[in-house]
Protein backbone atom coordinates (compact mmCIF):
# COMPACT_ATOMS: atom_id res chain seq x y z
CA UNK A 1 0.00 0.00 0.00
CA UNK A 2 1.35 3.40 -1.04
CA UNK A 3 1.16 6.21 1.50
CA UNK A 4 1.05 9.87 0.38
CA UNK A 5 1.78 12.55 2.94
CA UNK A 6 -0.01 15.88 2.80
CA UNK A 7 1.96 18.86 4.02
CA UNK A 8 0.77 22.19 5.30
CA UNK A 9 1.99 23.80 2.07
CA UNK A 10 -0.14 21.36 0.08
CA UNK A 11 -3.23 22.41 2.06
CA UNK A 12 -2.46 26.11 1.62
CA UNK A 13 -2.04 25.56 -2.11
CA UNK A 14 -5.33 23.66 -2.26
CA UNK A 15 -7.08 26.45 -0.37
CA UNK A 16 -5.73 29.08 -2.76
CA UNK A 17 -6.75 27.05 -5.80
CA UNK A 18 -10.24 26.41 -4.43
CA UNK A 19 -10.82 30.07 -3.58
CA UNK A 20 -9.65 31.14 -7.04
CA UNK A 21 -11.97 28.58 -8.66
CA UNK A 22 -14.96 29.63 -6.54
CA UNK A 23 -14.31 33.32 -7.26
CA UNK A 24 -14.13 32.57 -10.97
CA UNK A 25 -17.42 30.65 -10.91
CA UNK A 26 -19.18 33.40 -8.93
CA UNK A 27 -17.97 36.09 -11.33
CA UNK A 28 -19.24 34.12 -14.33
CA UNK A 29 -22.63 33.26 -12.85
CA UNK A 30 -23.39 36.24 -10.66
CA UNK A 31 -27.09 37.07 -10.36
CA UNK A 32 -28.49 40.21 -11.89
CA UNK A 33 -28.17 43.23 -9.63
CA UNK A 34 -31.00 43.77 -7.22
CA UNK A 35 -33.45 46.38 -8.37
CA UNK A 36 -33.59 49.62 -6.49
CA UNK A 37 -36.18 48.65 -3.88
CA UNK A 38 -37.32 50.35 -0.73
CA UNK A 39 -39.25 49.17 2.30
CA UNK A 40 -42.85 50.13 2.91
CA UNK A 41 -41.94 52.67 5.62
CA UNK A 42 -39.70 54.59 3.22
CA UNK A 43 -42.40 54.46 0.54
CA UNK A 44 -44.83 55.97 3.06
CA UNK A 45 -42.41 58.82 3.70
CA UNK A 46 -41.99 59.50 -0.01
CA UNK A 47 -45.75 59.33 -0.65
CA UNK A 48 -46.51 61.18 2.58
CA UNK A 49 -49.37 58.82 3.37
CA UNK A 50 -50.61 56.73 6.27
CA UNK A 51 -50.11 53.01 6.73
CA UNK A 52 -53.75 52.45 5.80
CA UNK A 53 -53.48 54.40 2.55
CA UNK A 54 -50.29 52.52 1.59
CA UNK A 55 -52.01 49.21 2.39
CA UNK A 56 -54.92 50.22 0.12
CA UNK A 57 -52.52 51.12 -2.71
CA UNK A 58 -50.73 47.79 -2.35
CA UNK A 59 -53.84 45.61 -2.15
CA UNK A 60 -55.59 47.40 -5.04
CA UNK A 61 -52.60 46.81 -7.29
CA UNK A 62 -51.94 50.52 -7.81
CA UNK A 63 -48.51 49.99 -6.30
CA UNK A 64 -46.86 46.62 -7.06
CA UNK A 65 -44.82 45.05 -4.29
CA UNK A 66 -42.89 41.97 -3.24
CA UNK A 67 -43.05 40.40 0.18
CA UNK A 68 -39.93 38.61 1.45
CA UNK A 69 -39.96 37.01 4.90
CA UNK A 70 -42.77 39.31 6.00
CA UNK A 71 -41.11 42.52 4.75
CA UNK A 72 -42.75 44.45 1.92
CA UNK A 73 -40.41 45.78 -0.76
CA UNK A 74 -41.48 48.27 -3.42
CA UNK A 75 -39.56 49.44 -6.47
CA UNK A 76 -38.55 53.07 -6.05
CA UNK A 77 -39.47 53.80 -9.69
CA UNK A 78 -43.02 52.49 -9.07
CA UNK A 79 -43.42 54.93 -6.18
CA UNK A 80 -42.16 57.81 -8.34
CA UNK A 81 -44.45 56.76 -11.21
CA UNK A 82 -47.41 56.74 -8.82
CA UNK A 83 -46.58 60.27 -7.71
CA UNK A 84 -46.19 61.51 -11.30
CA UNK A 85 -49.19 59.62 -12.72
CA UNK A 86 -51.70 58.96 -9.92
CA UNK A 87 -54.28 56.31 -10.80
CA UNK A 88 -57.84 57.29 -10.09
PDB file of N, CA and C in Angstrom:
ATOM      1  N   UNK A   1       0.841  -1.164   0.000  1.00  0.00           N
ATOM      2  CA  UNK A   1       0.000   0.000   0.000  1.00  0.00           C
ATOM      3  C   UNK A   1       0.896   1.240   0.000  1.00  0.00           C
ATOM      4  N   UNK A   2       0.550   2.178  -0.916  1.00  0.00           N
ATOM      5  CA  UNK A   2       1.347   3.398  -1.040  1.00  0.00           C
ATOM      6  C   UNK A   2       0.750   4.469  -0.137  1.00  0.00           C
ATOM      7  N   UNK A   3       1.588   5.188   0.558  1.00  0.00           N
ATOM      8  CA  UNK A   3       1.163   6.208   1.501  1.00  0.00           C
ATOM      9  C   UNK A   3       1.642   7.565   1.005  1.00  0.00           C
ATOM     10  N   UNK A   4       0.707   8.505   0.799  1.00  0.00           N
ATOM     11  CA  UNK A   4       1.053   9.870   0.382  1.00  0.00           C
ATOM     12  C   UNK A   4       0.859  10.792   1.573  1.00  0.00           C
ATOM     13  N   UNK A   5       1.861  11.605   1.839  1.00  0.00           N
ATOM     14  CA  UNK A   5       1.780  12.553   2.935  1.00  0.00           C
ATOM     15  C   UNK A   5       1.329  13.911   2.403  1.00  0.00           C
ATOM     16  N   UNK A   6       0.468  14.549   3.164  1.00  0.00           N
ATOM     17  CA  UNK A   6      -0.007  15.885   2.803  1.00  0.00           C
ATOM     18  C   UNK A   6       0.633  16.874   3.760  1.00  0.00           C
ATOM     19  N   UNK A   7       1.283  17.854   3.187  1.00  0.00           N
ATOM     20  CA  UNK A   7       1.958  18.855   4.016  1.00  0.00           C
ATOM     21  C   UNK A   7       1.075  20.083   4.179  1.00  0.00           C
ATOM     22  N   UNK A   8       1.493  20.936   5.075  1.00  0.00           N
ATOM     23  CA  UNK A   8       0.767  22.185   5.298  1.00  0.00           C
ATOM     24  C   UNK A   8       0.789  23.035   4.034  1.00  0.00           C
ATOM     25  N   UNK A   9       1.896  23.040   3.324  1.00  0.00           N
ATOM     26  CA  UNK A   9       1.995  23.797   2.072  1.00  0.00           C
ATOM     27  C   UNK A   9       1.019  23.264   1.023  1.00  0.00           C
ATOM     28  N   UNK A  10       0.832  21.946   1.002  1.00  0.00           N
ATOM     29  CA  UNK A  10      -0.136  21.355   0.079  1.00  0.00           C
ATOM     30  C   UNK A  10      -1.549  21.858   0.381  1.00  0.00           C
ATOM     31  N   UNK A  11      -1.895  21.932   1.663  1.00  0.00           N
ATOM     32  CA  UNK A  11      -3.225  22.408   2.063  1.00  0.00           C
ATOM     33  C   UNK A  11      -3.419  23.882   1.735  1.00  0.00           C
ATOM     34  N   UNK A  12      -2.388  24.684   1.950  1.00  0.00           N
ATOM     35  CA  UNK A  12      -2.465  26.112   1.624  1.00  0.00           C
ATOM     36  C   UNK A  12      -2.649  26.288   0.117  1.00  0.00           C
ATOM     37  N   UNK A  13      -1.926  25.508  -0.659  1.00  0.00           N
ATOM     38  CA  UNK A  13      -2.040  25.562  -2.113  1.00  0.00           C
ATOM     39  C   UNK A  13      -3.449  25.150  -2.558  1.00  0.00           C
ATOM     40  N   UNK A  14      -3.978  24.108  -1.947  1.00  0.00           N
ATOM     41  CA  UNK A  14      -5.330  23.660  -2.258  1.00  0.00           C
ATOM     42  C   UNK A  14      -6.346  24.745  -1.934  1.00  0.00           C
ATOM     43  N   UNK A  15      -6.184  25.377  -0.790  1.00  0.00           N
ATOM     44  CA  UNK A  15      -7.085  26.452  -0.371  1.00  0.00           C
ATOM     45  C   UNK A  15      -7.056  27.591  -1.384  1.00  0.00           C
ATOM     46  N   UNK A  16      -5.876  27.993  -1.803  1.00  0.00           N
ATOM     47  CA  UNK A  16      -5.727  29.081  -2.765  1.00  0.00           C
ATOM     48  C   UNK A  16      -6.388  28.725  -4.092  1.00  0.00           C
ATOM     49  N   UNK A  17      -6.161  27.506  -4.541  1.00  0.00           N
ATOM     50  CA  UNK A  17      -6.752  27.052  -5.802  1.00  0.00           C
ATOM     51  C   UNK A  17      -8.281  27.003  -5.717  1.00  0.00           C
ATOM     52  N   UNK A  18      -8.797  26.503  -4.598  1.00  0.00           N
ATOM     53  CA  UNK A  18     -10.244  26.413  -4.427  1.00  0.00           C
ATOM     54  C   UNK A  18     -10.888  27.801  -4.391  1.00  0.00           C
ATOM     55  N   UNK A  19     -10.273  28.717  -3.658  1.00  0.00           N
ATOM     56  CA  UNK A  19     -10.816  30.072  -3.581  1.00  0.00           C
ATOM     57  C   UNK A  19     -10.799  30.752  -4.944  1.00  0.00           C
ATOM     58  N   UNK A  20      -9.734  30.559  -5.693  1.00  0.00           N
ATOM     59  CA  UNK A  20      -9.654  31.139  -7.039  1.00  0.00           C
ATOM     60  C   UNK A  20     -10.733  30.553  -7.936  1.00  0.00           C
ATOM     61  N   UNK A  21     -10.949  29.254  -7.844  1.00  0.00           N
ATOM     62  CA  UNK A  21     -11.974  28.581  -8.656  1.00  0.00           C
ATOM     63  C   UNK A  21     -13.373  29.061  -8.286  1.00  0.00           C
ATOM     64  N   UNK A  22     -13.648  29.165  -6.999  1.00  0.00           N
ATOM     65  CA  UNK A  22     -14.958  29.627  -6.536  1.00  0.00           C
ATOM     66  C   UNK A  22     -15.188  31.066  -6.976  1.00  0.00           C
ATOM     67  N   UNK A  23     -14.194  31.917  -6.839  1.00  0.00           N
ATOM     68  CA  UNK A  23     -14.308  33.315  -7.255  1.00  0.00           C
ATOM     69  C   UNK A  23     -14.595  33.404  -8.743  1.00  0.00           C
ATOM     70  N   UNK A  24     -13.924  32.595  -9.527  1.00  0.00           N
ATOM     71  CA  UNK A  24     -14.127  32.575 -10.970  1.00  0.00           C
ATOM     72  C   UNK A  24     -15.557  32.157 -11.315  1.00  0.00           C
ATOM     73  N   UNK A  25     -16.049  31.131 -10.659  1.00  0.00           N
ATOM     74  CA  UNK A  25     -17.416  30.654 -10.907  1.00  0.00           C
ATOM     75  C   UNK A  25     -18.431  31.724 -10.526  1.00  0.00           C
ATOM     76  N   UNK A  26     -18.246  32.363  -9.376  1.00  0.00           N
ATOM     77  CA  UNK A  26     -19.181  33.399  -8.933  1.00  0.00           C
ATOM     78  C   UNK A  26     -19.184  34.592  -9.873  1.00  0.00           C
ATOM     79  N   UNK A  27     -18.042  34.958 -10.411  1.00  0.00           N
ATOM     80  CA  UNK A  27     -17.973  36.087 -11.331  1.00  0.00           C
ATOM     81  C   UNK A  27     -18.669  35.768 -12.648  1.00  0.00           C
ATOM     82  N   UNK A  28     -18.602  34.519 -13.083  1.00  0.00           N
ATOM     83  CA  UNK A  28     -19.238  34.123 -14.332  1.00  0.00           C
ATOM     84  C   UNK A  28     -20.747  33.996 -14.191  1.00  0.00           C
ATOM     85  N   UNK A  29     -21.213  33.560 -13.040  1.00  0.00           N
ATOM     86  CA  UNK A  29     -22.632  33.258 -12.846  1.00  0.00           C
ATOM     87  C   UNK A  29     -23.287  34.143 -11.800  1.00  0.00           C
ATOM     88  N   UNK A  30     -22.810  35.367 -11.677  1.00  0.00           N
ATOM     89  CA  UNK A  30     -23.392  36.238 -10.661  1.00  0.00           C
ATOM     90  C   UNK A  30     -24.823  36.598 -11.039  1.00  0.00           C
ATOM     91  N   UNK A  31     -25.706  36.712 -10.059  1.00  0.00           N
ATOM     92  CA  UNK A  31     -27.090  37.069 -10.356  1.00  0.00           C
ATOM     93  C   UNK A  31     -27.184  38.523 -10.809  1.00  0.00           C
ATOM     94  N   UNK A  32     -28.277  38.835 -11.452  1.00  0.00           N
ATOM     95  CA  UNK A  32     -28.486  40.214 -11.890  1.00  0.00           C
ATOM     96  C   UNK A  32     -28.557  41.103 -10.657  1.00  0.00           C
ATOM     97  N   UNK A  33     -28.135  42.341 -10.791  1.00  0.00           N
ATOM     98  CA  UNK A  33     -28.171  43.228  -9.631  1.00  0.00           C
ATOM     99  C   UNK A  33     -29.600  43.421  -9.122  1.00  0.00           C
ATOM    100  N   UNK A  34     -29.702  43.568  -7.847  1.00  0.00           N
ATOM    101  CA  UNK A  34     -30.997  43.766  -7.217  1.00  0.00           C
ATOM    102  C   UNK A  34     -31.549  45.116  -7.649  1.00  0.00           C
ATOM    103  N   UNK A  35     -32.826  45.120  -7.964  1.00  0.00           N
ATOM    104  CA  UNK A  35     -33.452  46.375  -8.370  1.00  0.00           C
ATOM    105  C   UNK A  35     -33.474  47.339  -7.198  1.00  0.00           C
ATOM    106  N   UNK A  36     -33.581  48.591  -7.519  1.00  0.00           N
ATOM    107  CA  UNK A  36     -33.594  49.619  -6.489  1.00  0.00           C
ATOM    108  C   UNK A  36     -34.930  49.546  -5.753  1.00  0.00           C
ATOM    109  N   UNK A  37     -34.950  48.835  -4.646  1.00  0.00           N
ATOM    110  CA  UNK A  37     -36.182  48.652  -3.884  1.00  0.00           C
ATOM    111  C   UNK A  37     -36.087  49.352  -2.539  1.00  0.00           C
ATOM    112  N   UNK A  38     -37.237  49.701  -2.030  1.00  0.00           N
ATOM    113  CA  UNK A  38     -37.320  50.347  -0.726  1.00  0.00           C
ATOM    114  C   UNK A  38     -38.347  49.594   0.110  1.00  0.00           C
ATOM    115  N   UNK A  39     -38.273  49.780   1.397  1.00  0.00           N
ATOM    116  CA  UNK A  39     -39.247  49.167   2.295  1.00  0.00           C
ATOM    117  C   UNK A  39     -40.501  50.028   2.339  1.00  0.00           C
ATOM    118  N   UNK A  40     -41.556  49.450   2.867  1.00  0.00           N
ATOM    119  CA  UNK A  40     -42.850  50.127   2.912  1.00  0.00           C
ATOM    120  C   UNK A  40     -42.775  51.436   3.700  1.00  0.00           C
ATOM    121  N   UNK A  41     -42.026  51.450   4.803  1.00  0.00           N
ATOM    122  CA  UNK A  41     -41.938  52.666   5.619  1.00  0.00           C
ATOM    123  C   UNK A  41     -41.329  53.821   4.828  1.00  0.00           C
ATOM    124  N   UNK A  42     -40.313  53.532   4.023  1.00  0.00           N
ATOM    125  CA  UNK A  42     -39.699  54.589   3.221  1.00  0.00           C
ATOM    126  C   UNK A  42     -40.657  55.041   2.118  1.00  0.00           C
ATOM    127  N   UNK A  43     -41.405  54.106   1.557  1.00  0.00           N
ATOM    128  CA  UNK A  43     -42.401  54.462   0.539  1.00  0.00           C
ATOM    129  C   UNK A  43     -43.463  55.382   1.130  1.00  0.00           C
ATOM    130  N   UNK A  44     -43.861  55.099   2.373  1.00  0.00           N
ATOM    131  CA  UNK A  44     -44.834  55.970   3.056  1.00  0.00           C
ATOM    132  C   UNK A  44     -44.298  57.374   3.216  1.00  0.00           C
ATOM    133  N   UNK A  45     -43.011  57.506   3.548  1.00  0.00           N
ATOM    134  CA  UNK A  45     -42.413  58.822   3.704  1.00  0.00           C
ATOM    135  C   UNK A  45     -42.394  59.575   2.376  1.00  0.00           C
ATOM    136  N   UNK A  46     -42.040  58.872   1.310  1.00  0.00           N
ATOM    137  CA  UNK A  46     -41.988  59.503  -0.009  1.00  0.00           C
ATOM    138  C   UNK A  46     -43.384  59.925  -0.452  1.00  0.00           C
ATOM    139  N   UNK A  47     -44.366  59.046  -0.245  1.00  0.00           N
ATOM    140  CA  UNK A  47     -45.746  59.332  -0.651  1.00  0.00           C
ATOM    141  C   UNK A  47     -46.464  60.244   0.329  1.00  0.00           C
ATOM    142  N   UNK A  48     -45.904  60.399   1.507  1.00  0.00           N
ATOM    143  CA  UNK A  48     -46.514  61.183   2.585  1.00  0.00           C
ATOM    144  C   UNK A  48     -47.946  60.707   2.842  1.00  0.00           C
ATOM    145  N   UNK A  49     -48.057  59.398   3.112  1.00  0.00           N
ATOM    146  CA  UNK A  49     -49.369  58.818   3.369  1.00  0.00           C
ATOM    147  C   UNK A  49     -49.323  57.944   4.616  1.00  0.00           C
ATOM    148  N   UNK A  50     -50.503  57.571   5.078  1.00  0.00           N
ATOM    149  CA  UNK A  50     -50.614  56.732   6.268  1.00  0.00           C
ATOM    150  C   UNK A  50     -50.387  55.271   5.908  1.00  0.00           C
ATOM    151  N   UNK A  51     -50.258  54.440   6.943  1.00  0.00           N
ATOM    152  CA  UNK A  51     -50.113  53.005   6.727  1.00  0.00           C
ATOM    153  C   UNK A  51     -51.339  52.443   6.016  1.00  0.00           C
ATOM    154  N   UNK A  52     -52.506  52.925   6.397  1.00  0.00           N
ATOM    155  CA  UNK A  52     -53.748  52.446   5.797  1.00  0.00           C
ATOM    156  C   UNK A  52     -53.830  52.768   4.315  1.00  0.00           C
ATOM    157  N   UNK A  53     -53.458  53.994   3.954  1.00  0.00           N
ATOM    158  CA  UNK A  53     -53.479  54.398   2.547  1.00  0.00           C
ATOM    159  C   UNK A  53     -52.487  53.566   1.736  1.00  0.00           C
ATOM    160  N   UNK A  54     -51.285  53.333   2.281  1.00  0.00           N
ATOM    161  CA  UNK A  54     -50.290  52.522   1.594  1.00  0.00           C
ATOM    162  C   UNK A  54     -50.810  51.096   1.418  1.00  0.00           C
ATOM    163  N   UNK A  55     -51.434  50.553   2.457  1.00  0.00           N
ATOM    164  CA  UNK A  55     -52.007  49.207   2.387  1.00  0.00           C
ATOM    165  C   UNK A  55     -53.058  49.134   1.273  1.00  0.00           C
ATOM    166  N   UNK A  56     -53.896  50.170   1.168  1.00  0.00           N
ATOM    167  CA  UNK A  56     -54.917  50.220   0.120  1.00  0.00           C
ATOM    168  C   UNK A  56     -54.270  50.246  -1.259  1.00  0.00           C
ATOM    169  N   UNK A  57     -53.218  51.038  -1.421  1.00  0.00           N
ATOM    170  CA  UNK A  57     -52.517  51.115  -2.708  1.00  0.00           C
ATOM    171  C   UNK A  57     -51.905  49.766  -3.083  1.00  0.00           C
ATOM    172  N   UNK A  58     -51.347  49.080  -2.091  1.00  0.00           N
ATOM    173  CA  UNK A  58     -50.729  47.786  -2.353  1.00  0.00           C
ATOM    174  C   UNK A  58     -51.773  46.737  -2.714  1.00  0.00           C
ATOM    175  N   UNK A  59     -52.825  46.658  -1.938  1.00  0.00           N
ATOM    176  CA  UNK A  59     -53.836  45.609  -2.147  1.00  0.00           C
ATOM    177  C   UNK A  59     -54.660  45.849  -3.411  1.00  0.00           C
ATOM    178  N   UNK A  60     -54.826  47.115  -3.821  1.00  0.00           N
ATOM    179  CA  UNK A  60     -55.594  47.405  -5.037  1.00  0.00           C
ATOM    180  C   UNK A  60     -54.770  47.168  -6.303  1.00  0.00           C
ATOM    181  N   UNK A  61     -53.460  47.021  -6.135  1.00  0.00           N
ATOM    182  CA  UNK A  61     -52.603  46.811  -7.290  1.00  0.00           C
ATOM    183  C   UNK A  61     -52.064  48.098  -7.886  1.00  0.00           C
ATOM    184  N   UNK A  62     -52.429  49.233  -7.304  1.00  0.00           N
ATOM    185  CA  UNK A  62     -51.938  50.516  -7.806  1.00  0.00           C
ATOM    186  C   UNK A  62     -50.436  50.647  -7.597  1.00  0.00           C
ATOM    187  N   UNK A  63     -49.939  49.959  -6.598  1.00  0.00           N
ATOM    188  CA  UNK A  63     -48.509  49.987  -6.299  1.00  0.00           C
ATOM    189  C   UNK A  63     -48.026  48.541  -6.137  1.00  0.00           C
ATOM    190  N   UNK A  64     -47.333  47.996  -7.156  1.00  0.00           N
ATOM    191  CA  UNK A  64     -46.857  46.615  -7.062  1.00  0.00           C
ATOM    192  C   UNK A  64     -45.806  46.458  -5.967  1.00  0.00           C
ATOM    193  N   UNK A  65     -45.774  45.294  -5.366  1.00  0.00           N
ATOM    194  CA  UNK A  65     -44.821  45.048  -4.289  1.00  0.00           C
ATOM    195  C   UNK A  65     -44.403  43.586  -4.261  1.00  0.00           C
ATOM    196  N   UNK A  66     -43.358  43.324  -3.490  1.00  0.00           N
ATOM    197  CA  UNK A  66     -42.889  41.971  -3.242  1.00  0.00           C
ATOM    198  C   UNK A  66     -42.747  41.807  -1.742  1.00  0.00           C
ATOM    199  N   UNK A  67     -43.153  40.658  -1.250  1.00  0.00           N
ATOM    200  CA  UNK A  67     -43.051  40.397   0.185  1.00  0.00           C
ATOM    201  C   UNK A  67     -42.037  39.280   0.396  1.00  0.00           C
ATOM    202  N   UNK A  68     -40.985  39.582   1.169  1.00  0.00           N
ATOM    203  CA  UNK A  68     -39.934  38.610   1.452  1.00  0.00           C
ATOM    204  C   UNK A  68     -39.796  38.484   2.962  1.00  0.00           C
ATOM    205  N   UNK A  69     -40.043  37.282   3.460  1.00  0.00           N
ATOM    206  CA  UNK A  69     -39.955  37.006   4.902  1.00  0.00           C
ATOM    207  C   UNK A  69     -40.727  38.028   5.727  1.00  0.00           C
ATOM    208  N   UNK A  70     -41.912  38.403   5.249  1.00  0.00           N
ATOM    209  CA  UNK A  70     -42.770  39.310   5.997  1.00  0.00           C
ATOM    210  C   UNK A  70     -42.481  40.784   5.775  1.00  0.00           C
ATOM    211  N   UNK A  71     -41.452  41.123   5.015  1.00  0.00           N
ATOM    212  CA  UNK A  71     -41.112  42.517   4.755  1.00  0.00           C
ATOM    213  C   UNK A  71     -41.559  42.882   3.347  1.00  0.00           C
ATOM    214  N   UNK A  72     -42.253  44.004   3.221  1.00  0.00           N
ATOM    215  CA  UNK A  72     -42.747  44.454   1.925  1.00  0.00           C
ATOM    216  C   UNK A  72     -41.696  45.342   1.277  1.00  0.00           C
ATOM    217  N   UNK A  73     -41.354  44.999   0.030  1.00  0.00           N
ATOM    218  CA  UNK A  73     -40.406  45.784  -0.763  1.00  0.00           C
ATOM    219  C   UNK A  73     -41.123  46.333  -1.986  1.00  0.00           C
ATOM    220  N   UNK A  74     -40.842  47.585  -2.301  1.00  0.00           N
ATOM    221  CA  UNK A  74     -41.480  48.267  -3.417  1.00  0.00           C
ATOM    222  C   UNK A  74     -40.387  48.893  -4.262  1.00  0.00           C
ATOM    223  N   UNK A  75     -40.535  48.810  -5.581  1.00  0.00           N
ATOM    224  CA  UNK A  75     -39.563  49.442  -6.466  1.00  0.00           C
ATOM    225  C   UNK A  75     -39.695  50.959  -6.347  1.00  0.00           C
ATOM    226  N   UNK A  76     -38.554  51.615  -6.191  1.00  0.00           N
ATOM    227  CA  UNK A  76     -38.549  53.071  -6.052  1.00  0.00           C
ATOM    228  C   UNK A  76     -39.196  53.726  -7.278  1.00  0.00           C
ATOM    229  N   UNK A  77     -38.922  53.189  -8.472  1.00  0.00           N
ATOM    230  CA  UNK A  77     -39.473  53.796  -9.686  1.00  0.00           C
ATOM    231  C   UNK A  77     -40.990  53.671  -9.725  1.00  0.00           C
ATOM    232  N   UNK A  78     -41.563  52.616  -9.125  1.00  0.00           N
ATOM    233  CA  UNK A  78     -43.020  52.492  -9.073  1.00  0.00           C
ATOM    234  C   UNK A  78     -43.629  53.565  -8.174  1.00  0.00           C
ATOM    235  N   UNK A  79     -42.948  53.874  -7.077  1.00  0.00           N
ATOM    236  CA  UNK A  79     -43.425  54.927  -6.178  1.00  0.00           C
ATOM    237  C   UNK A  79     -43.394  56.273  -6.906  1.00  0.00           C
ATOM    238  N   UNK A  80     -42.295  56.542  -7.617  1.00  0.00           N
ATOM    239  CA  UNK A  80     -42.160  57.811  -8.343  1.00  0.00           C
ATOM    240  C   UNK A  80     -43.207  57.892  -9.453  1.00  0.00           C
ATOM    241  N   UNK A  81     -43.428  56.769 -10.159  1.00  0.00           N
ATOM    242  CA  UNK A  81     -44.455  56.763 -11.209  1.00  0.00           C
ATOM    243  C   UNK A  81     -45.839  57.030 -10.636  1.00  0.00           C
ATOM    244  N   UNK A  82     -46.121  56.511  -9.452  1.00  0.00           N
ATOM    245  CA  UNK A  82     -47.413  56.736  -8.818  1.00  0.00           C
ATOM    246  C   UNK A  82     -47.594  58.214  -8.473  1.00  0.00           C
ATOM    247  N   UNK A  83     -46.510  58.847  -8.043  1.00  0.00           N
ATOM    248  CA  UNK A  83     -46.584  60.274  -7.715  1.00  0.00           C
ATOM    249  C   UNK A  83     -46.818  61.090  -8.987  1.00  0.00           C
ATOM    250  N   UNK A  84     -46.100  60.745 -10.054  1.00  0.00           N
ATOM    251  CA  UNK A  84     -46.195  61.513 -11.300  1.00  0.00           C
ATOM    252  C   UNK A  84     -47.500  61.237 -12.050  1.00  0.00           C
ATOM    253  N   UNK A  85     -47.976  60.011 -11.987  1.00  0.00           N
ATOM    254  CA  UNK A  85     -49.192  59.617 -12.716  1.00  0.00           C
ATOM    255  C   UNK A  85     -50.146  58.906 -11.763  1.00  0.00           C
ATOM    256  N   UNK A  86     -50.812  59.640 -10.884  1.00  0.00           N
ATOM    257  CA  UNK A  86     -51.703  58.962  -9.924  1.00  0.00           C
ATOM    258  C   UNK A  86     -52.869  58.287 -10.641  1.00  0.00           C
ATOM    259  N   UNK A  87     -53.149  57.037 -10.229  1.00  0.00           N
ATOM    260  CA  UNK A  87     -54.280  56.306 -10.797  1.00  0.00           C
ATOM    261  C   UNK A  87     -55.533  56.676 -10.028  1.00  0.00           C
ATOM    262  N   UNK A  88     -56.599  56.894 -10.752  1.00  0.00           N
ATOM    263  CA  UNK A  88     -57.840  57.290 -10.088  1.00  0.00           C
ATOM    264  C   UNK A  88     -58.793  56.131 -10.018  1.00  0.00           C
TER     265      UNK A  88
END
